N, C-alpha and C. Protein backbone atom coordinates (compact mmCIF):
# COMPACT_ATOMS: atom_id res chain seq x y z
N MET A 1 0.81 -1.20 0.00
CA MET A 1 0.00 0.00 0.00
C MET A 1 0.85 1.27 0.00
N ALA A 2 2.05 1.21 0.52
CA ALA A 2 2.88 2.40 0.59
C ALA A 2 3.00 3.03 -0.78
N GLY A 3 2.92 4.34 -0.81
CA GLY A 3 3.06 5.07 -2.06
C GLY A 3 1.73 5.44 -2.70
N GLU A 4 0.67 4.68 -2.44
CA GLU A 4 -0.63 5.01 -3.02
C GLU A 4 -1.20 6.22 -2.30
N ALA A 5 -1.91 7.07 -3.04
CA ALA A 5 -2.48 8.27 -2.45
C ALA A 5 -3.73 7.94 -1.63
N LEU A 6 -4.05 8.85 -0.71
CA LEU A 6 -5.25 8.73 0.11
C LEU A 6 -5.89 10.10 0.23
N GLY A 7 -7.18 10.16 -0.07
CA GLY A 7 -7.97 11.38 0.14
C GLY A 7 -8.87 11.17 1.34
N ILE A 8 -8.93 12.16 2.20
CA ILE A 8 -9.80 12.10 3.37
C ILE A 8 -10.76 13.28 3.29
N LEU A 9 -12.04 12.98 3.27
CA LEU A 9 -13.09 13.99 3.20
C LEU A 9 -13.72 14.09 4.59
N LEU A 10 -13.49 15.20 5.27
CA LEU A 10 -14.00 15.40 6.63
C LEU A 10 -15.18 16.35 6.58
N ILE A 11 -16.37 15.82 6.85
CA ILE A 11 -17.60 16.59 6.82
C ILE A 11 -18.08 16.91 8.23
N SER A 12 -17.86 16.01 9.16
CA SER A 12 -18.36 16.14 10.53
C SER A 12 -17.53 17.13 11.34
N GLY A 13 -18.20 17.85 12.23
CA GLY A 13 -17.52 18.78 13.11
C GLY A 13 -17.22 18.21 14.48
N GLY A 14 -17.54 16.93 14.69
CA GLY A 14 -17.29 16.32 15.98
C GLY A 14 -15.84 15.95 16.20
N HIS A 15 -15.43 15.96 17.45
CA HIS A 15 -14.04 15.65 17.80
C HIS A 15 -13.63 14.25 17.37
N GLU A 16 -14.49 13.27 17.59
CA GLU A 16 -14.14 11.88 17.31
C GLU A 16 -13.75 11.68 15.84
N ARG A 17 -14.55 12.20 14.93
CA ARG A 17 -14.24 12.05 13.50
C ARG A 17 -13.05 12.89 13.09
N ALA A 18 -12.95 14.10 13.63
CA ALA A 18 -11.80 14.96 13.32
C ALA A 18 -10.51 14.29 13.79
N HIS A 19 -10.54 13.76 15.01
CA HIS A 19 -9.37 13.08 15.57
C HIS A 19 -8.96 11.91 14.68
N TYR A 20 -9.94 11.11 14.28
CA TYR A 20 -9.58 9.93 13.49
C TYR A 20 -9.16 10.29 12.06
N ALA A 21 -9.67 11.39 11.54
CA ALA A 21 -9.21 11.85 10.23
C ALA A 21 -7.71 12.11 10.28
N PHE A 22 -7.26 12.69 11.37
CA PHE A 22 -5.83 12.98 11.51
C PHE A 22 -5.02 11.75 11.90
N VAL A 23 -5.63 10.78 12.58
CA VAL A 23 -4.96 9.50 12.82
C VAL A 23 -4.67 8.84 11.46
N LEU A 24 -5.70 8.79 10.61
CA LEU A 24 -5.53 8.20 9.28
C LEU A 24 -4.53 8.98 8.43
N ALA A 25 -4.65 10.30 8.45
CA ALA A 25 -3.77 11.13 7.63
C ALA A 25 -2.31 10.97 8.03
N SER A 26 -2.03 11.07 9.31
CA SER A 26 -0.64 10.96 9.75
C SER A 26 -0.11 9.54 9.60
N GLY A 27 -0.96 8.55 9.84
CA GLY A 27 -0.55 7.16 9.67
C GLY A 27 -0.21 6.83 8.22
N ALA A 28 -1.07 7.25 7.31
CA ALA A 28 -0.82 7.00 5.89
C ALA A 28 0.42 7.74 5.40
N ALA A 29 0.58 8.97 5.83
CA ALA A 29 1.77 9.74 5.43
C ALA A 29 3.04 9.11 6.00
N ALA A 30 2.96 8.56 7.22
CA ALA A 30 4.12 7.93 7.84
C ALA A 30 4.60 6.70 7.08
N ILE A 31 3.70 6.05 6.34
CA ILE A 31 4.14 4.89 5.55
C ILE A 31 4.37 5.26 4.08
N GLY A 32 4.45 6.55 3.82
CA GLY A 32 4.83 7.00 2.49
C GLY A 32 3.70 7.30 1.53
N ARG A 33 2.47 7.28 2.00
CA ARG A 33 1.36 7.62 1.10
C ARG A 33 1.21 9.13 1.00
N ARG A 34 0.85 9.60 -0.17
CA ARG A 34 0.53 11.01 -0.36
C ARG A 34 -0.89 11.19 0.16
N VAL A 35 -1.10 12.17 1.04
CA VAL A 35 -2.40 12.34 1.69
C VAL A 35 -2.93 13.76 1.45
N VAL A 36 -4.21 13.82 1.08
CA VAL A 36 -4.91 15.09 0.94
C VAL A 36 -6.14 15.02 1.84
N LEU A 37 -6.20 15.93 2.82
CA LEU A 37 -7.34 16.00 3.71
C LEU A 37 -8.17 17.22 3.29
N PHE A 38 -9.44 16.99 3.00
CA PHE A 38 -10.35 18.06 2.57
C PHE A 38 -11.44 18.19 3.61
N ALA A 39 -11.49 19.35 4.27
CA ALA A 39 -12.50 19.60 5.30
C ALA A 39 -13.56 20.53 4.75
N THR A 40 -14.82 20.16 4.97
CA THR A 40 -15.93 20.99 4.53
C THR A 40 -17.01 21.06 5.59
N ASN A 41 -17.88 22.03 5.45
CA ASN A 41 -18.98 22.25 6.40
C ASN A 41 -18.43 22.24 7.83
N GLN A 42 -19.06 21.53 8.76
CA GLN A 42 -18.60 21.56 10.15
C GLN A 42 -17.23 20.90 10.32
N GLY A 43 -16.82 20.08 9.37
CA GLY A 43 -15.49 19.49 9.41
C GLY A 43 -14.38 20.52 9.36
N CYS A 44 -14.69 21.72 8.85
CA CYS A 44 -13.70 22.81 8.80
C CYS A 44 -13.17 23.15 10.19
N ARG A 45 -13.95 22.87 11.22
CA ARG A 45 -13.55 23.19 12.59
C ARG A 45 -12.25 22.49 12.99
N ALA A 46 -11.97 21.35 12.41
CA ALA A 46 -10.75 20.61 12.72
C ALA A 46 -9.50 21.32 12.21
N LEU A 47 -9.70 22.29 11.31
CA LEU A 47 -8.56 23.02 10.77
C LEU A 47 -8.51 24.47 11.25
N LEU A 48 -9.23 24.75 12.34
CA LEU A 48 -9.10 26.05 12.97
C LEU A 48 -7.80 26.08 13.77
N ALA A 49 -7.17 27.23 13.83
CA ALA A 49 -5.94 27.35 14.61
C ALA A 49 -6.19 27.06 16.08
N ASP A 50 -7.32 27.52 16.59
CA ASP A 50 -7.68 27.35 18.00
C ASP A 50 -8.65 26.19 18.15
N LEU A 51 -8.25 25.20 18.89
CA LEU A 51 -9.09 24.01 19.10
C LEU A 51 -9.84 24.08 20.44
N ALA A 52 -10.10 25.28 20.94
CA ALA A 52 -10.74 25.45 22.25
C ALA A 52 -12.07 24.71 22.36
N GLU A 53 -12.84 24.66 21.29
CA GLU A 53 -14.14 23.99 21.38
C GLU A 53 -14.01 22.48 21.58
N PHE A 54 -12.82 21.94 21.34
CA PHE A 54 -12.58 20.52 21.54
C PHE A 54 -11.85 20.24 22.85
N ALA A 55 -11.71 21.24 23.71
CA ALA A 55 -10.89 21.11 24.93
C ALA A 55 -11.29 19.93 25.81
N ALA A 56 -12.56 19.74 26.05
CA ALA A 56 -12.99 18.64 26.92
C ALA A 56 -12.66 17.29 26.31
N SER A 57 -12.92 17.14 25.02
CA SER A 57 -12.62 15.88 24.34
C SER A 57 -11.12 15.65 24.29
N GLU A 58 -10.35 16.70 24.08
CA GLU A 58 -8.89 16.57 24.03
C GLU A 58 -8.34 16.14 25.38
N ALA A 59 -8.91 16.68 26.48
CA ALA A 59 -8.46 16.29 27.81
C ALA A 59 -8.72 14.81 28.05
N ASP A 60 -9.86 14.32 27.59
CA ASP A 60 -10.21 12.92 27.73
C ASP A 60 -9.24 12.03 26.96
N VAL A 61 -8.89 12.44 25.75
CA VAL A 61 -7.97 11.68 24.90
C VAL A 61 -6.58 11.63 25.54
N THR A 62 -6.07 12.77 25.94
CA THR A 62 -4.71 12.79 26.51
C THR A 62 -4.65 12.08 27.86
N ALA A 63 -5.75 12.07 28.62
CA ALA A 63 -5.78 11.35 29.89
C ALA A 63 -5.61 9.84 29.67
N ARG A 64 -5.92 9.39 28.48
CA ARG A 64 -5.80 7.97 28.14
C ARG A 64 -4.49 7.68 27.38
N ASN A 65 -3.59 8.66 27.40
CA ASN A 65 -2.28 8.54 26.72
C ASN A 65 -2.40 8.27 25.23
N VAL A 66 -3.37 8.93 24.61
CA VAL A 66 -3.56 8.87 23.15
C VAL A 66 -3.18 10.23 22.61
N ALA A 67 -2.57 10.24 21.43
CA ALA A 67 -2.17 11.50 20.82
C ALA A 67 -3.38 12.42 20.64
N SER A 68 -3.20 13.67 20.97
CA SER A 68 -4.28 14.66 20.85
C SER A 68 -4.46 15.07 19.39
N LEU A 69 -5.57 15.70 19.12
CA LEU A 69 -5.83 16.23 17.78
C LEU A 69 -4.75 17.23 17.41
N ASP A 70 -4.36 18.06 18.34
CA ASP A 70 -3.31 19.05 18.08
C ASP A 70 -1.99 18.36 17.72
N GLU A 71 -1.63 17.31 18.46
CA GLU A 71 -0.40 16.57 18.16
C GLU A 71 -0.48 15.88 16.80
N LEU A 72 -1.65 15.33 16.49
CA LEU A 72 -1.83 14.66 15.20
C LEU A 72 -1.78 15.65 14.04
N ARG A 73 -2.34 16.83 14.24
CA ARG A 73 -2.28 17.86 13.19
C ARG A 73 -0.84 18.27 12.94
N GLU A 74 -0.09 18.43 14.02
CA GLU A 74 1.33 18.80 13.89
C GLU A 74 2.10 17.71 13.15
N ALA A 75 1.83 16.45 13.50
CA ALA A 75 2.50 15.34 12.82
C ALA A 75 2.13 15.32 11.33
N ALA A 76 0.85 15.53 11.04
CA ALA A 76 0.40 15.55 9.65
C ALA A 76 1.11 16.65 8.87
N GLN A 77 1.25 17.81 9.49
CA GLN A 77 1.95 18.90 8.82
C GLN A 77 3.41 18.53 8.55
N MET A 78 4.07 17.97 9.55
CA MET A 78 5.48 17.59 9.39
C MET A 78 5.65 16.51 8.33
N LEU A 79 4.65 15.64 8.19
CA LEU A 79 4.71 14.55 7.22
C LEU A 79 4.24 14.96 5.82
N GLY A 80 3.86 16.21 5.67
CA GLY A 80 3.50 16.72 4.35
C GLY A 80 2.08 16.49 3.90
N VAL A 81 1.17 16.25 4.84
CA VAL A 81 -0.24 16.08 4.47
C VAL A 81 -0.76 17.42 3.94
N ARG A 82 -1.38 17.37 2.79
CA ARG A 82 -1.98 18.58 2.22
C ARG A 82 -3.35 18.75 2.85
N MET A 83 -3.58 19.91 3.48
CA MET A 83 -4.84 20.18 4.16
C MET A 83 -5.57 21.29 3.42
N ILE A 84 -6.74 20.94 2.90
CA ILE A 84 -7.55 21.89 2.13
C ILE A 84 -8.86 22.13 2.88
N VAL A 85 -9.21 23.40 3.01
CA VAL A 85 -10.49 23.79 3.61
C VAL A 85 -11.38 24.28 2.48
N CYS A 86 -12.57 23.73 2.40
CA CYS A 86 -13.53 24.08 1.36
C CYS A 86 -14.04 25.50 1.58
N GLU A 87 -13.92 26.33 0.56
CA GLU A 87 -14.40 27.72 0.67
C GLU A 87 -15.89 27.77 0.99
N ALA A 88 -16.69 27.02 0.25
CA ALA A 88 -18.15 27.02 0.48
C ALA A 88 -18.48 26.41 1.84
N GLY A 89 -17.80 25.34 2.21
CA GLY A 89 -18.03 24.71 3.50
C GLY A 89 -17.70 25.62 4.67
N LEU A 90 -16.67 26.43 4.50
CA LEU A 90 -16.29 27.39 5.53
C LEU A 90 -17.41 28.41 5.74
N ARG A 91 -18.00 28.85 4.64
CA ARG A 91 -19.13 29.79 4.73
C ARG A 91 -20.34 29.10 5.36
N MET A 92 -20.60 27.84 4.98
CA MET A 92 -21.74 27.10 5.54
C MET A 92 -21.58 26.92 7.05
N ALA A 93 -20.35 26.77 7.52
CA ALA A 93 -20.09 26.61 8.96
C ALA A 93 -19.99 27.96 9.67
N ASP A 94 -20.13 29.04 8.91
CA ASP A 94 -20.06 30.40 9.44
C ASP A 94 -18.73 30.65 10.15
N LEU A 95 -17.63 30.23 9.48
CA LEU A 95 -16.30 30.42 10.03
C LEU A 95 -15.51 31.39 9.15
N ASP A 96 -14.52 32.02 9.74
CA ASP A 96 -13.69 33.00 9.05
C ASP A 96 -12.36 32.36 8.65
N SER A 97 -11.94 32.57 7.42
CA SER A 97 -10.69 31.98 6.94
C SER A 97 -9.48 32.50 7.72
N ALA A 98 -9.61 33.64 8.36
CA ALA A 98 -8.50 34.19 9.15
C ALA A 98 -8.23 33.35 10.40
N THR A 99 -9.15 32.48 10.77
CA THR A 99 -9.00 31.67 11.98
C THR A 99 -8.42 30.28 11.69
N LEU A 100 -8.04 30.03 10.44
CA LEU A 100 -7.55 28.70 10.06
C LEU A 100 -6.11 28.45 10.52
N LEU A 101 -5.81 27.20 10.68
CA LEU A 101 -4.47 26.71 11.01
C LEU A 101 -3.49 27.15 9.93
N ASP A 102 -2.30 27.58 10.34
CA ASP A 102 -1.27 27.91 9.36
C ASP A 102 -0.99 26.70 8.49
N GLY A 103 -0.92 26.93 7.20
CA GLY A 103 -0.66 25.84 6.26
C GLY A 103 -1.91 25.25 5.64
N ALA A 104 -3.07 25.55 6.21
CA ALA A 104 -4.32 25.07 5.61
C ALA A 104 -4.60 25.91 4.37
N GLU A 105 -4.95 25.24 3.31
CA GLU A 105 -5.18 25.88 2.02
C GLU A 105 -6.68 26.07 1.82
N LEU A 106 -7.09 27.23 1.36
CA LEU A 106 -8.50 27.52 1.09
C LEU A 106 -8.74 27.29 -0.39
N ALA A 107 -9.63 26.35 -0.72
CA ALA A 107 -9.91 26.01 -2.12
C ALA A 107 -11.27 25.33 -2.19
N GLY A 108 -11.59 24.80 -3.35
CA GLY A 108 -12.88 24.16 -3.54
C GLY A 108 -12.76 22.68 -3.84
N VAL A 109 -13.89 22.07 -4.07
CA VAL A 109 -13.95 20.62 -4.29
C VAL A 109 -13.17 20.21 -5.54
N VAL A 110 -13.13 21.06 -6.55
CA VAL A 110 -12.40 20.72 -7.78
C VAL A 110 -10.91 20.54 -7.46
N THR A 111 -10.38 21.41 -6.61
CA THR A 111 -8.97 21.29 -6.20
C THR A 111 -8.74 19.96 -5.50
N PHE A 112 -9.65 19.57 -4.60
CA PHE A 112 -9.53 18.29 -3.92
C PHE A 112 -9.57 17.13 -4.91
N LEU A 113 -10.54 17.15 -5.80
CA LEU A 113 -10.68 16.06 -6.76
C LEU A 113 -9.47 15.96 -7.68
N GLU A 114 -8.93 17.09 -8.10
CA GLU A 114 -7.71 17.07 -8.92
C GLU A 114 -6.54 16.51 -8.12
N ALA A 115 -6.46 16.88 -6.86
CA ALA A 115 -5.35 16.46 -6.01
C ALA A 115 -5.36 14.95 -5.74
N VAL A 116 -6.56 14.36 -5.60
CA VAL A 116 -6.62 12.93 -5.28
C VAL A 116 -6.71 12.06 -6.53
N GLY A 117 -7.19 12.62 -7.63
CA GLY A 117 -7.30 11.82 -8.86
C GLY A 117 -8.11 10.56 -8.61
N ALA A 118 -7.53 9.44 -8.95
CA ALA A 118 -8.22 8.15 -8.80
C ALA A 118 -7.89 7.47 -7.47
N ALA A 119 -7.33 8.22 -6.53
CA ALA A 119 -6.92 7.65 -5.25
C ALA A 119 -8.10 7.21 -4.40
N GLN A 120 -7.80 6.41 -3.40
CA GLN A 120 -8.76 5.99 -2.41
C GLN A 120 -9.24 7.20 -1.64
N VAL A 121 -10.55 7.33 -1.40
CA VAL A 121 -11.10 8.45 -0.62
C VAL A 121 -11.94 7.86 0.52
N ILE A 122 -11.68 8.37 1.73
CA ILE A 122 -12.42 7.98 2.92
C ILE A 122 -13.21 9.19 3.38
N THR A 123 -14.48 8.98 3.73
CA THR A 123 -15.33 10.07 4.22
C THR A 123 -15.61 9.87 5.70
N LEU A 124 -15.38 10.93 6.46
CA LEU A 124 -15.64 10.91 7.92
C LEU A 124 -16.57 12.05 8.28
């Protein structure tokens, strides 16, 4: 499987799905897969610079000695995961692009589809 691309489509704004999107992204990138994570609608929240709304869930995760969403995002960035935030989805979630994580790219679904081509896509 190493080397094959992976697209991750994050639609949900919940911590559990956001956390696992980054588990998958960082894991796939760690074994050499090219990864494109596309967040839309409430899923855009996972790419906000400030994860304050996930604080309670993050405390629960770290109390169990599991990597936090913040740690996973940092790993994904270091491993070269391309993170795209959907322009329309950002508006639907009533979020401001100025609040996004450094390195998150603002684009549309066409950019995501071009980036993943015929690759495997997982929806969370």
